[in-house]
């Protein structure tokens, strides 16, 4: 770690991360979220399903995209990482 930033154990590049919700607010699965972390240098990626309380707001980096584009990016970790790195 470098202060509050995580560094890739392989190449030392600062790692990136993103969490997002898969289900709408009225769903009982709303608190289940995807947590994605990756190294933009060597492209090592890790993902997990995590619990994020309903009361916690997540930054929606894809909020300005049309629903079809958001769904396309959520289906591919590689495409999602590429989009978030731009």
PDB file of N, CA and C in Angstrom:
ATOM      1  N   UNK A   1       0.838  -1.191   0.000  1.00  0.00           N
ATOM      2  CA  UNK A   1       0.000   0.000   0.000  1.00  0.00           C
ATOM      3  C   UNK A   1       0.876   1.245   0.000  1.00  0.00           C
ATOM      4  N   UNK A   2       0.361   2.285  -0.611  1.00  0.00           N
ATOM      5  CA  UNK A   2       1.045   3.566  -0.668  1.00  0.00           C
ATOM      6  C   UNK A   2       0.072   4.592  -0.093  1.00  0.00           C
ATOM      7  N   UNK A   3       0.124   4.816   1.213  1.00  0.00           N
ATOM      8  CA  UNK A   3      -0.890   5.646   1.860  1.00  0.00           C
ATOM      9  C   UNK A   3      -2.202   4.888   1.813  1.00  0.00           C
ATOM     10  N   UNK A   4      -3.205   5.471   1.186  1.00  0.00           N
ATOM     11  CA  UNK A   4      -4.506   4.809   1.032  1.00  0.00           C
ATOM     12  C   UNK A   4      -4.629   4.080  -0.290  1.00  0.00           C
ATOM     13  N   UNK A   5      -3.572   4.105  -1.105  1.00  0.00           N
ATOM     14  CA  UNK A   5      -3.636   3.473  -2.424  1.00  0.00           C
ATOM     15  C   UNK A   5      -2.978   2.102  -2.379  1.00  0.00           C
ATOM     16  N   UNK A   6      -3.612   1.157  -3.020  1.00  0.00           N
ATOM     17  CA  UNK A   6      -3.032  -0.183  -3.113  1.00  0.00           C
ATOM     18  C   UNK A   6      -2.149  -0.259  -4.345  1.00  0.00           C
ATOM     19  N   UNK A   7      -1.026  -0.953  -4.188  1.00  0.00           N
ATOM     20  CA  UNK A   7      -0.115  -1.147  -5.301  1.00  0.00           C
ATOM     21  C   UNK A   7      -0.165  -2.604  -5.737  1.00  0.00           C
ATOM     22  N   UNK A   8      -0.040  -2.842  -7.024  1.00  0.00           N
ATOM     23  CA  UNK A   8       0.008  -4.198  -7.562  1.00  0.00           C
ATOM     24  C   UNK A   8       1.231  -4.912  -6.993  1.00  0.00           C
ATOM     25  N   UNK A   9       1.026  -6.122  -6.488  1.00  0.00           N
ATOM     26  CA  UNK A   9       2.123  -6.903  -5.918  1.00  0.00           C
ATOM     27  C   UNK A   9       3.094  -7.388  -6.987  1.00  0.00           C
ATOM     28  N   UNK A  10       2.655  -7.435  -8.239  1.00  0.00           N
ATOM     29  CA  UNK A  10       3.495  -7.931  -9.332  1.00  0.00           C
ATOM     30  C   UNK A  10       4.366  -6.822  -9.918  1.00  0.00           C
ATOM     31  N   UNK A  11       3.743  -5.681 -10.264  1.00  0.00           N
ATOM     32  CA  UNK A  11       4.506  -4.645 -10.975  1.00  0.00           C
ATOM     33  C   UNK A  11       4.620  -3.311 -10.241  1.00  0.00           C
ATOM     34  N   UNK A  12       3.905  -3.152  -9.108  1.00  0.00           N
ATOM     35  CA  UNK A  12       4.003  -1.923  -8.328  1.00  0.00           C
ATOM     36  C   UNK A  12       3.147  -0.772  -8.817  1.00  0.00           C
ATOM     37  N   UNK A  13       2.351  -0.979  -9.859  1.00  0.00           N
ATOM     38  CA  UNK A  13       1.453   0.052 -10.385  1.00  0.00           C
ATOM     39  C   UNK A  13       0.294   0.264  -9.413  1.00  0.00           C
ATOM     40  N   UNK A  14      -0.160   1.517  -9.199  1.00  0.00           N
ATOM     41  CA  UNK A  14      -1.345   1.730  -8.358  1.00  0.00           C
ATOM     42  C   UNK A  14      -2.556   0.980  -8.937  1.00  0.00           C
ATOM     43  N   UNK A  15      -3.208   0.210  -8.092  1.00  0.00           N
ATOM     44  CA  UNK A  15      -4.369  -0.580  -8.515  1.00  0.00           C
ATOM     45  C   UNK A  15      -5.605   0.300  -8.599  1.00  0.00           C
ATOM     46  N   UNK A  16      -6.569  -0.108  -9.407  1.00  0.00           N
ATOM     47  CA  UNK A  16      -7.852   0.569  -9.555  1.00  0.00           C
ATOM     48  C   UNK A  16      -8.932  -0.331  -8.979  1.00  0.00           C
ATOM     49  N   UNK A  17     -10.053   0.252  -8.577  1.00  0.00           N
ATOM     50  CA  UNK A  17     -11.160  -0.561  -8.078  1.00  0.00           C
ATOM     51  C   UNK A  17     -12.486   0.121  -8.407  1.00  0.00           C
ATOM     52  N   UNK A  18     -13.533  -0.679  -8.422  1.00  0.00           N
ATOM     53  CA  UNK A  18     -14.874  -0.189  -8.742  1.00  0.00           C
ATOM     54  C   UNK A  18     -15.886  -1.161  -8.153  1.00  0.00           C
ATOM     55  N   UNK A  19     -16.913  -0.636  -7.522  1.00  0.00           N
ATOM     56  CA  UNK A  19     -18.027  -1.440  -7.002  1.00  0.00           C
ATOM     57  C   UNK A  19     -19.306  -0.962  -7.666  1.00  0.00           C
ATOM     58  N   UNK A  20     -20.165  -1.932  -7.983  1.00  0.00           N
ATOM     59  CA  UNK A  20     -21.438  -1.548  -8.586  1.00  0.00           C
ATOM     60  C   UNK A  20     -22.532  -2.517  -8.185  1.00  0.00           C
ATOM     61  N   UNK A  21     -23.747  -1.988  -8.200  1.00  0.00           N
ATOM     62  CA  UNK A  21     -24.931  -2.783  -7.855  1.00  0.00           C
ATOM     63  C   UNK A  21     -25.470  -3.442  -9.114  1.00  0.00           C
ATOM     64  N   UNK A  22     -25.961  -4.658  -8.947  1.00  0.00           N
ATOM     65  CA  UNK A  22     -26.539  -5.399 -10.066  1.00  0.00           C
ATOM     66  C   UNK A  22     -28.061  -5.351 -10.078  1.00  0.00           C
ATOM     67  N   UNK A  23     -28.648  -5.093  -8.926  1.00  0.00           N
ATOM     68  CA  UNK A  23     -30.103  -5.212  -8.783  1.00  0.00           C
ATOM     69  C   UNK A  23     -30.738  -3.865  -8.445  1.00  0.00           C
ATOM     70  N   UNK A  24     -32.000  -3.673  -8.842  1.00  0.00           N
ATOM     71  CA  UNK A  24     -32.699  -2.412  -8.557  1.00  0.00           C
ATOM     72  C   UNK A  24     -32.985  -2.267  -7.053  1.00  0.00           C
ATOM     73  N   UNK A  25     -33.233  -1.040  -6.588  1.00  0.00           N
ATOM     74  CA  UNK A  25     -33.439  -0.791  -5.161  1.00  0.00           C
ATOM     75  C   UNK A  25     -34.569  -1.591  -4.519  1.00  0.00           C
ATOM     76  N   UNK A  26     -35.583  -1.962  -5.278  1.00  0.00           N
ATOM     77  CA  UNK A  26     -36.703  -2.706  -4.690  1.00  0.00           C
ATOM     78  C   UNK A  26     -36.435  -4.215  -4.605  1.00  0.00           C
ATOM     79  N   UNK A  27     -35.289  -4.656  -5.078  1.00  0.00           N
ATOM     80  CA  UNK A  27     -34.941  -6.082  -5.056  1.00  0.00           C
ATOM     81  C   UNK A  27     -34.380  -6.487  -3.688  1.00  0.00           C
ATOM     82  N   UNK A  28     -34.731  -7.693  -3.220  1.00  0.00           N
ATOM     83  CA  UNK A  28     -34.124  -8.180  -1.973  1.00  0.00           C
ATOM     84  C   UNK A  28     -32.616  -8.425  -2.128  1.00  0.00           C
ATOM     85  N   UNK A  29     -32.122  -8.473  -3.365  1.00  0.00           N
ATOM     86  CA  UNK A  29     -30.691  -8.690  -3.622  1.00  0.00           C
ATOM     87  C   UNK A  29     -29.933  -7.382  -3.832  1.00  0.00           C
ATOM     88  N   UNK A  30     -30.566  -6.245  -3.556  1.00  0.00           N
ATOM     89  CA  UNK A  30     -29.966  -4.941  -3.809  1.00  0.00           C
ATOM     90  C   UNK A  30     -28.602  -4.768  -3.128  1.00  0.00           C
ATOM     91  N   UNK A  31     -28.434  -5.338  -1.939  1.00  0.00           N
ATOM     92  CA  UNK A  31     -27.181  -5.166  -1.201  1.00  0.00           C
ATOM     93  C   UNK A  31     -26.038  -6.010  -1.762  1.00  0.00           C
ATOM     94  N   UNK A  32     -26.327  -6.948  -2.640  1.00  0.00           N
ATOM     95  CA  UNK A  32     -25.271  -7.734  -3.288  1.00  0.00           C
ATOM     96  C   UNK A  32     -24.680  -6.920  -4.427  1.00  0.00           C
ATOM     97  N   UNK A  33     -23.386  -6.676  -4.346  1.00  0.00           N
ATOM     98  CA  UNK A  33     -22.702  -5.848  -5.340  1.00  0.00           C
ATOM     99  C   UNK A  33     -21.472  -6.576  -5.864  1.00  0.00           C
ATOM    100  N   UNK A  34     -20.991  -6.112  -6.999  1.00  0.00           N
ATOM    101  CA  UNK A  34     -19.752  -6.643  -7.567  1.00  0.00           C
ATOM    102  C   UNK A  34     -18.630  -5.679  -7.186  1.00  0.00           C
ATOM    103  N   UNK A  35     -17.550  -6.229  -6.663  1.00  0.00           N
ATOM    104  CA  UNK A  35     -16.352  -5.453  -6.364  1.00  0.00           C
ATOM    105  C   UNK A  35     -15.251  -5.934  -7.300  1.00  0.00           C
ATOM    106  N   UNK A  36     -14.707  -5.007  -8.066  1.00  0.00           N
ATOM    107  CA  UNK A  36     -13.700  -5.316  -9.066  1.00  0.00           C
ATOM    108  C   UNK A  36     -12.438  -4.525  -8.737  1.00  0.00           C
ATOM    109  N   UNK A  37     -11.292  -5.194  -8.741  1.00  0.00           N
ATOM    110  CA  UNK A  37      -9.997  -4.527  -8.546  1.00  0.00           C
ATOM    111  C   UNK A  37      -9.046  -5.055  -9.601  1.00  0.00           C
ATOM    112  N   UNK A  38      -8.207  -4.154 -10.157  1.00  0.00           N
ATOM    113  CA  UNK A  38      -7.304  -4.582 -11.218  1.00  0.00           C
ATOM    114  C   UNK A  38      -6.086  -3.675 -11.279  1.00  0.00           C
ATOM    115  N   UNK A  39      -5.070  -4.201 -11.923  1.00  0.00           N
ATOM    116  CA  UNK A  39      -3.848  -3.447 -12.172  1.00  0.00           C
ATOM    117  C   UNK A  39      -3.873  -3.006 -13.638  1.00  0.00           C
ATOM    118  N   UNK A  40      -3.864  -1.704 -13.897  1.00  0.00           N
ATOM    119  CA  UNK A  40      -3.848  -1.256 -15.286  1.00  0.00           C
ATOM    120  C   UNK A  40      -2.515  -1.540 -15.983  1.00  0.00           C
ATOM    121  N   UNK A  41      -1.483  -1.833 -15.213  1.00  0.00           N
ATOM    122  CA  UNK A  41      -0.179  -2.123 -15.798  1.00  0.00           C
ATOM    123  C   UNK A  41      -0.079  -3.531 -16.340  1.00  0.00           C
ATOM    124  N   UNK A  42      -0.328  -4.519 -15.494  1.00  0.00           N
ATOM    125  CA  UNK A  42      -0.170  -5.911 -15.940  1.00  0.00           C
ATOM    126  C   UNK A  42      -1.509  -6.619 -16.145  1.00  0.00           C
ATOM    127  N   UNK A  43      -2.632  -5.908 -15.909  1.00  0.00           N
ATOM    128  CA  UNK A  43      -3.987  -6.392 -16.186  1.00  0.00           C
ATOM    129  C   UNK A  43      -4.412  -7.571 -15.321  1.00  0.00           C
ATOM    130  N   UNK A  44      -3.788  -7.772 -14.176  1.00  0.00           N
ATOM    131  CA  UNK A  44      -4.272  -8.777 -13.230  1.00  0.00           C
ATOM    132  C   UNK A  44      -5.550  -8.231 -12.616  1.00  0.00           C
ATOM    133  N   UNK A  45      -6.563  -9.088 -12.532  1.00  0.00           N
ATOM    134  CA  UNK A  45      -7.886  -8.654 -12.096  1.00  0.00           C
ATOM    135  C   UNK A  45      -8.425  -9.591 -11.021  1.00  0.00           C
ATOM    136  N   UNK A  46      -9.181  -9.028 -10.099  1.00  0.00           N
ATOM    137  CA  UNK A  46      -9.852  -9.812  -9.068  1.00  0.00           C
ATOM    138  C   UNK A  46     -11.265  -9.260  -8.917  1.00  0.00           C
ATOM    139  N   UNK A  47     -12.234 -10.150  -8.766  1.00  0.00           N
ATOM    140  CA  UNK A  47     -13.606  -9.692  -8.550  1.00  0.00           C
ATOM    141  C   UNK A  47     -14.278 -10.583  -7.514  1.00  0.00           C
ATOM    142  N   UNK A  48     -15.281 -10.011  -6.853  1.00  0.00           N
ATOM    143  CA  UNK A  48     -16.011 -10.746  -5.818  1.00  0.00           C
ATOM    144  C   UNK A  48     -17.396 -10.137  -5.675  1.00  0.00           C
ATOM    145  N   UNK A  49     -18.321 -10.926  -5.167  1.00  0.00           N
ATOM    146  CA  UNK A  49     -19.625 -10.407  -4.785  1.00  0.00           C
ATOM    147  C   UNK A  49     -19.500  -9.997  -3.327  1.00  0.00           C
ATOM    148  N   UNK A  50     -19.870  -8.747  -3.037  1.00  0.00           N
ATOM    149  CA  UNK A  50     -19.751  -8.205  -1.687  1.00  0.00           C
ATOM    150  C   UNK A  50     -21.087  -7.605  -1.260  1.00  0.00           C
ATOM    151  N   UNK A  51     -21.262  -7.456   0.041  1.00  0.00           N
ATOM    152  CA  UNK A  51     -22.471  -6.821   0.566  1.00  0.00           C
ATOM    153  C   UNK A  51     -22.175  -5.351   0.834  1.00  0.00           C
ATOM    154  N   UNK A  52     -23.017  -4.495   0.257  1.00  0.00           N
ATOM    155  CA  UNK A  52     -22.939  -3.055   0.512  1.00  0.00           C
ATOM    156  C   UNK A  52     -24.309  -2.649   1.038  1.00  0.00           C
ATOM    157  N   UNK A  53     -24.393  -2.123   2.259  1.00  0.00           N
ATOM    158  CA  UNK A  53     -25.697  -1.766   2.842  1.00  0.00           C
ATOM    159  C   UNK A  53     -26.487  -0.812   1.953  1.00  0.00           C
ATOM    160  N   UNK A  54     -27.792  -0.931   2.028  1.00  0.00           N
ATOM    161  CA  UNK A  54     -28.688  -0.069   1.251  1.00  0.00           C
ATOM    162  C   UNK A  54     -28.417   1.401   1.516  1.00  0.00           C
ATOM    163  N   UNK A  55     -28.019   1.730   2.720  1.00  0.00           N
ATOM    164  CA  UNK A  55     -27.804   3.119   3.108  1.00  0.00           C
ATOM    165  C   UNK A  55     -26.511   3.707   2.544  1.00  0.00           C
ATOM    166  N   UNK A  56     -25.642   2.865   1.989  1.00  0.00           N
ATOM    167  CA  UNK A  56     -24.365   3.325   1.438  1.00  0.00           C
ATOM    168  C   UNK A  56     -24.516   3.610  -0.059  1.00  0.00           C
ATOM    169  N   UNK A  57     -24.216   4.823  -0.456  1.00  0.00           N
ATOM    170  CA  UNK A  57     -24.292   5.196  -1.871  1.00  0.00           C
ATOM    171  C   UNK A  57     -22.995   4.830  -2.572  1.00  0.00           C
ATOM    172  N   UNK A  58     -23.116   4.285  -3.766  1.00  0.00           N
ATOM    173  CA  UNK A  58     -21.955   3.971  -4.580  1.00  0.00           C
ATOM    174  C   UNK A  58     -21.848   4.974  -5.726  1.00  0.00           C
ATOM    175  N   UNK A  59     -20.627   5.357  -6.064  1.00  0.00           N
ATOM    176  CA  UNK A  59     -20.405   6.237  -7.213  1.00  0.00           C
ATOM    177  C   UNK A  59     -20.682   5.428  -8.471  1.00  0.00           C
ATOM    178  N   UNK A  60     -21.557   5.939  -9.315  1.00  0.00           N
ATOM    179  CA  UNK A  60     -21.920   5.233 -10.546  1.00  0.00           C
ATOM    180  C   UNK A  60     -21.146   5.824 -11.720  1.00  0.00           C
ATOM    181  N   UNK A  61     -19.980   5.249 -12.004  1.00  0.00           N
ATOM    182  CA  UNK A  61     -19.136   5.747 -13.086  1.00  0.00           C
ATOM    183  C   UNK A  61     -19.775   5.536 -14.459  1.00  0.00           C
ATOM    184  N   UNK A  62     -20.811   4.719 -14.522  1.00  0.00           N
ATOM    185  CA  UNK A  62     -21.489   4.451 -15.799  1.00  0.00           C
ATOM    186  C   UNK A  62     -22.840   5.153 -15.886  1.00  0.00           C
ATOM    187  N   UNK A  63     -23.122   6.027 -14.928  1.00  0.00           N
ATOM    188  CA  UNK A  63     -24.428   6.669 -14.822  1.00  0.00           C
ATOM    189  C   UNK A  63     -24.885   7.432 -16.044  1.00  0.00           C
ATOM    190  N   UNK A  64     -23.962   7.964 -16.822  1.00  0.00           N
ATOM    191  CA  UNK A  64     -24.354   8.760 -17.981  1.00  0.00           C
ATOM    192  C   UNK A  64     -24.580   7.923 -19.241  1.00  0.00           C
ATOM    193  N   UNK A  65     -24.331   6.619 -19.149  1.00  0.00           N
ATOM    194  CA  UNK A  65     -24.470   5.745 -20.326  1.00  0.00           C
ATOM    195  C   UNK A  65     -25.900   5.232 -20.473  1.00  0.00           C
ATOM    196  N   UNK A  66     -26.306   4.936 -21.699  1.00  0.00           N
ATOM    197  CA  UNK A  66     -27.620   4.315 -21.914  1.00  0.00           C
ATOM    198  C   UNK A  66     -27.657   2.924 -21.272  1.00  0.00           C
ATOM    199  N   UNK A  67     -28.828   2.444 -20.860  1.00  0.00           N
ATOM    200  CA  UNK A  67     -28.941   1.148 -20.197  1.00  0.00           C
ATOM    201  C   UNK A  67     -28.319  -0.013 -20.973  1.00  0.00           C
ATOM    202  N   UNK A  68     -28.443  -0.013 -22.305  1.00  0.00           N
ATOM    203  CA  UNK A  68     -27.891  -1.105 -23.108  1.00  0.00           C
ATOM    204  C   UNK A  68     -26.365  -1.140 -23.013  1.00  0.00           C
ATOM    205  N   UNK A  69     -25.743   0.044 -23.032  1.00  0.00           N
ATOM    206  CA  UNK A  69     -24.280   0.134 -22.945  1.00  0.00           C
ATOM    207  C   UNK A  69     -23.798  -0.291 -21.556  1.00  0.00           C
ATOM    208  N   UNK A  70     -24.519   0.126 -20.519  1.00  0.00           N
ATOM    209  CA  UNK A  70     -24.177  -0.284 -19.145  1.00  0.00           C
ATOM    210  C   UNK A  70     -24.226  -1.802 -19.020  1.00  0.00           C
ATOM    211  N   UNK A  71     -25.284  -2.397 -19.537  1.00  0.00           N
ATOM    212  CA  UNK A  71     -25.444  -3.856 -19.464  1.00  0.00           C
ATOM    213  C   UNK A  71     -24.316  -4.555 -20.217  1.00  0.00           C
ATOM    214  N   UNK A  72     -23.940  -4.030 -21.371  1.00  0.00           N
ATOM    215  CA  UNK A  72     -22.847  -4.617 -22.161  1.00  0.00           C
ATOM    216  C   UNK A  72     -21.539  -4.579 -21.375  1.00  0.00           C
ATOM    217  N   UNK A  73     -21.249  -3.466 -20.735  1.00  0.00           N
ATOM    218  CA  UNK A  73     -20.010  -3.346 -19.961  1.00  0.00           C
ATOM    219  C   UNK A  73     -20.020  -4.248 -18.732  1.00  0.00           C
ATOM    220  N   UNK A  74     -21.164  -4.398 -18.086  1.00  0.00           N
ATOM    221  CA  UNK A  74     -21.257  -5.257 -16.901  1.00  0.00           C
ATOM    222  C   UNK A  74     -21.070  -6.733 -17.240  1.00  0.00           C
ATOM    223  N   UNK A  75     -21.286  -7.111 -18.486  1.00  0.00           N
ATOM    224  CA  UNK A  75     -21.121  -8.516 -18.891  1.00  0.00           C
ATOM    225  C   UNK A  75     -19.662  -8.893 -19.148  1.00  0.00           C
ATOM    226  N   UNK A  76     -18.774  -7.919 -19.246  1.00  0.00           N
ATOM    227  CA  UNK A  76     -17.375  -8.201 -19.567  1.00  0.00           C
ATOM    228  C   UNK A  76     -16.452  -7.376 -18.665  1.00  0.00           C
ATOM    229  N   UNK A  77     -15.729  -8.057 -17.784  1.00  0.00           N
ATOM    230  CA  UNK A  77     -14.797  -7.336 -16.919  1.00  0.00           C
ATOM    231  C   UNK A  77     -13.744  -6.595 -17.736  1.00  0.00           C
ATOM    232  N   UNK A  78     -13.279  -7.190 -18.821  1.00  0.00           N
ATOM    233  CA  UNK A  78     -12.261  -6.560 -19.651  1.00  0.00           C
ATOM    234  C   UNK A  78     -12.781  -5.261 -20.263  1.00  0.00           C
ATOM    235  N   UNK A  79     -13.984  -5.298 -20.833  1.00  0.00           N
ATOM    236  CA  UNK A  79     -14.562  -4.094 -21.430  1.00  0.00           C
ATOM    237  C   UNK A  79     -14.848  -3.029 -20.366  1.00  0.00           C
ATOM    238  N   UNK A  80     -15.301  -3.477 -19.191  1.00  0.00           N
ATOM    239  CA  UNK A  80     -15.572  -2.542 -18.104  1.00  0.00           C
ATOM    240  C   UNK A  80     -14.279  -1.860 -17.655  1.00  0.00           C
ATOM    241  N   UNK A  81     -13.210  -2.627 -17.454  1.00  0.00           N
ATOM    242  CA  UNK A  81     -11.931  -2.033 -17.046  1.00  0.00           C
ATOM    243  C   UNK A  81     -11.430  -1.057 -18.109  1.00  0.00           C
ATOM    244  N   UNK A  82     -11.505  -1.438 -19.379  1.00  0.00           N
ATOM    245  CA  UNK A  82     -11.068  -0.560 -20.462  1.00  0.00           C
ATOM    246  C   UNK A  82     -11.834   0.762 -20.432  1.00  0.00           C
ATOM    247  N   UNK A  83     -13.154   0.681 -20.245  1.00  0.00           N
ATOM    248  CA  UNK A  83     -13.978   1.879 -20.212  1.00  0.00           C
ATOM    249  C   UNK A  83     -13.610   2.755 -19.012  1.00  0.00           C
ATOM    250  N   UNK A  84     -13.424   2.163 -17.846  1.00  0.00           N
ATOM    251  CA  UNK A  84     -13.125   2.922 -16.635  1.00  0.00           C
ATOM    252  C   UNK A  84     -11.729   3.548 -16.668  1.00  0.00           C
ATOM    253  N   UNK A  85     -10.831   2.988 -17.439  1.00  0.00           N
ATOM    254  CA  UNK A  85      -9.484   3.548 -17.540  1.00  0.00           C
ATOM    255  C   UNK A  85      -9.412   4.758 -18.465  1.00  0.00           C
ATOM    256  N   UNK A  86     -10.423   4.960 -19.285  1.00  0.00           N
ATOM    257  CA  UNK A  86     -10.431   6.123 -20.191  1.00  0.00           C
ATOM    258  C   UNK A  86     -10.817   7.378 -19.465  1.00  0.00           C
TER     259      UNK A  86
END
